[in-house]
Protein backbone atom coordinates (compact mmCIF):
# COMPACT_ATOMS: atom_id res chain seq x y z
CA MET A 1 92.99 124.52 133.92
CA LYS A 2 90.33 122.14 132.60
CA LYS A 3 89.54 124.59 129.79
CA HIS A 4 93.23 124.72 128.81
CA ILE A 5 93.35 120.92 128.62
CA GLN A 6 90.22 120.85 126.45
CA ILE A 7 91.67 123.47 124.11
CA LEU A 8 94.95 121.57 123.93
CA ALA A 9 93.15 118.29 123.20
CA LEU A 10 91.07 119.94 120.45
CA ALA A 11 94.19 121.46 118.89
CA ALA A 12 95.90 118.05 118.94
CA LEU A 13 92.88 116.40 117.32
CA LEU A 14 92.68 119.05 114.59
CA ALA A 15 96.40 118.77 113.89
CA GLY A 16 96.10 114.97 113.77
CA ALA A 17 93.07 115.10 111.46
CA ARG A 18 95.07 117.11 108.94
CA GLU A 19 97.78 114.41 108.99
CA LEU A 20 95.23 111.61 108.41
CA THR A 21 94.58 112.47 104.78
CA ALA A 22 95.41 109.75 102.30
CA GLU A 23 97.84 110.29 99.46
CA THR A 24 97.60 108.51 96.12
CA VAL A 25 100.81 107.82 94.21
CA THR A 26 101.06 106.34 90.73
CA LEU A 27 104.32 104.69 89.75
CA VAL A 28 104.87 104.78 85.97
CA VAL A 29 107.67 102.94 84.19
CA ASN A 30 108.65 103.58 80.57
CA THR A 31 111.69 104.04 78.31
CA GLN A 32 113.05 106.97 80.32
CA ASN A 33 112.37 105.33 83.72
CA PRO A 34 112.28 101.51 83.59
CA THR A 35 112.22 101.20 87.40
CA ARG A 36 110.37 103.20 90.06
CA HIS A 37 110.53 102.82 93.85
CA LEU A 38 108.24 103.95 96.66
CA SER A 39 108.92 103.59 100.38
CA ILE A 40 106.35 103.91 103.13
CA ALA A 41 107.15 104.70 106.75
CA SER A 42 106.33 102.66 109.84
CA ASN A 43 103.28 104.81 110.57
CA GLN A 44 101.75 104.37 107.10
CA VAL A 45 99.62 101.77 105.35
CA ALA A 46 99.81 101.26 101.58
CA GLU A 47 97.05 99.77 99.45
CA VAL A 48 97.65 98.64 95.87
CA VAL A 49 94.65 100.14 94.09
CA SER A 50 95.45 99.24 90.48
CA LEU A 51 98.20 97.60 88.48
CA GLN A 52 98.70 97.47 84.71
CA LEU A 53 101.72 95.47 83.61
CA ALA A 54 103.52 95.93 80.29
CA ASN A 55 102.43 94.27 77.08
CA GLY A 56 105.06 92.11 75.39
CA ALA A 57 107.76 92.56 78.01
CA TYR A 58 108.49 91.24 81.46
CA SER A 59 107.25 93.57 84.19
CA GLU A 60 106.78 93.16 87.93
CA LEU A 61 105.63 94.87 91.09
CA ILE A 62 107.65 93.72 94.08
CA PHE A 63 107.19 94.82 97.66
CA GLN A 64 109.65 94.22 100.44
CA LYS A 65 108.61 93.96 104.07
CA ASP A 66 110.63 92.67 107.02
CA GLY A 67 113.32 91.24 104.74
CA SER A 68 110.85 89.28 102.55
CA ARG A 69 110.06 89.98 98.90
CA PHE A 70 106.74 89.24 97.25
CA GLY A 71 104.48 90.67 94.57
CA TRP A 72 103.29 90.11 91.04
CA ASP A 73 104.78 89.71 87.61
CA ASP A 74 103.20 89.25 84.22
CA SER A 75 103.61 85.47 84.34
CA SER A 76 102.34 85.00 87.89
CA LEU A 77 99.08 83.11 88.23
CA LEU A 78 98.82 82.80 91.98
CA PHE A 79 99.16 86.48 92.78
CA ALA A 80 98.17 87.94 89.41
CA VAL A 81 96.33 91.23 89.68
CA ALA A 82 96.78 92.11 86.03
CA THR A 83 97.13 90.03 82.94
CA ARG A 84 99.81 90.60 80.34
CA GLY A 85 98.68 93.48 78.21
CA GLY A 86 95.15 93.17 79.53
CA PRO A 87 93.06 95.12 81.96
CA ALA A 88 93.52 94.76 85.69
CA VAL A 89 91.68 91.80 87.16
CA ASN A 90 89.35 92.57 90.05
CA ARG A 91 90.93 91.15 93.20
CA PRO A 92 90.72 92.24 96.81
CA PRO A 93 93.09 95.17 97.39
CA VAL A 94 96.41 94.38 98.99
CA GLN A 95 97.24 96.39 102.12
CA ILE A 96 100.72 96.51 103.63
CA ALA A 97 101.71 98.29 106.84
CA GLY A 98 105.03 100.08 106.72
CA PRO A 99 107.86 100.16 106.72
CA ALA A 100 107.91 98.66 103.25
CA THR A 101 109.29 99.37 99.78
CA PHE A 102 107.50 98.96 96.45
CA SER A 103 109.40 98.55 93.16
CA LEU A 104 107.77 98.58 89.72
CA HIS A 105 110.04 97.38 86.92
CA THR A 106 109.77 96.56 83.24
CA THR A 107 112.28 95.29 80.66
CA THR A 108 112.54 95.75 76.92
CA ASN A 109 110.26 93.79 74.62
CA ILE A 110 111.35 91.92 71.48
CA GLY A 111 111.47 95.23 69.59
CA GLY A 112 113.86 96.74 72.13
CA GLU A 113 111.22 99.11 73.52
CA PHE A 114 110.17 99.65 77.12
CA PRO A 115 106.41 99.34 77.10
CA GLY A 116 104.75 101.33 79.85
CA ALA A 117 103.36 99.89 83.06
CA TYR A 118 101.81 101.57 86.06
CA CYS A 119 100.73 100.92 89.62
CA THR A 120 98.55 103.19 91.76
CA ILE A 121 99.09 103.01 95.52
CA LYS A 122 97.02 104.73 98.19
CA ILE A 123 99.07 105.70 101.26
CA THR A 124 97.20 106.37 104.49
CA PRO A 125 98.70 107.36 107.83
CA GLU A 126 97.77 105.10 110.74
CA SER A 127 94.77 106.61 112.48
CA THR A 128 96.50 106.60 115.85
CA PRO A 129 100.26 106.29 115.47
CA PRO A 130 101.57 104.82 118.74
CA ASP A 131 104.33 107.40 118.97
CA LYS A 132 101.79 110.24 118.88
CA THR A 133 99.20 108.89 121.29
CA ILE A 134 98.96 109.10 125.06
CA ILE A 135 96.44 106.73 126.64
CA LEU A 136 95.58 106.62 130.34
CA LEU A 137 93.85 103.35 131.07
CA ALA A 138 90.94 103.18 133.51
CA GLY A 139 92.16 102.19 136.94
CA SER A 140 95.74 103.36 136.34
CA LYS A 141 97.48 105.64 138.80
CA GLY A 142 97.50 108.37 136.15
CA ALA A 143 100.20 110.60 134.73
CA ASN A 144 101.46 114.14 134.71
CA ILE A 145 100.99 115.56 131.20
CA TYR A 146 103.42 118.27 130.05
CA LEU A 147 103.38 120.58 127.05
CA GLU A 148 106.95 121.31 126.01
CA MET A 149 108.63 123.66 123.53
CA SER A 150 112.03 123.67 121.86
CA THR A 151 113.92 125.74 119.30
CA ASN A 152 116.41 122.99 118.40
CA LEU A 153 114.64 119.63 119.09
CA PHE A 154 117.25 118.82 121.77
CA ASP A 155 116.52 121.19 124.63
CA TRP A 156 112.90 121.14 125.84
CA SER A 157 111.13 123.48 128.27
CA THR A 158 107.78 122.90 129.96
CA ILE A 159 105.28 125.61 128.97
CA THR A 160 101.62 126.41 129.48
CA PRO A 161 99.18 126.40 126.54
CA GLY A 162 98.78 129.78 124.91
CA THR A 163 99.49 131.74 121.74
CA PHE A 164 103.03 131.58 120.37
CA SER A 165 104.86 133.37 117.57
CA SER A 166 108.51 133.60 116.62
CA ALA A 167 110.32 135.94 114.29
CA THR A 168 113.81 134.56 114.84
CA ASN A 169 113.61 130.82 115.71
CA ASN A 170 111.57 127.82 114.66
CA LEU A 171 109.39 126.56 117.50
CA PHE A 172 108.70 122.87 118.08
CA PHE A 173 106.04 121.51 120.47
CA ARG A 174 105.44 118.10 122.03
CA ILE A 175 103.23 116.55 124.68
CA ARG A 176 104.97 114.32 127.22
CA ALA A 177 103.44 112.00 129.83
CA GLU A 178 105.15 111.03 133.05
CA LYS A 179 103.56 108.09 134.89
CA LEU A 180 102.71 108.62 138.53
CA PRO A 181 104.52 106.26 140.92
């Protein structure tokens, strides 16, 4: 039984490690796409890595979190990360935990063109998302830990660790903890 738990724990760690890889997204605005949006989930953290605002037009990067809006535009001095038409200014990176939404926008310049602007954002999953972690604290009464399987995400059956394959149905697995009284 102990060996099965060790194998199950190793499998969970390996599966979690694959999910912990960061993703880098670059939002680009131009004539064809003057506005771009990016949303991050509650189990993600976003870091603004670089920002280049448009030259000769108004452009902005706005992020929304918990009903508040903040960010940078090409006239902002307090939060400026980039200067109008100039290179990005070195500032500490901004990190925002999700859920949040980023919007990069630019308007036409005097010539009626949409000059390009871009923002690169690194998205990293939380290292230990609370909804995917079971912790038994020292001194607690403990818990019964169950491995469960479903074919429809509604009906779950307790199973023992092993090798599974399916030719006809999708199989879903979860680990559930039940506190001891």
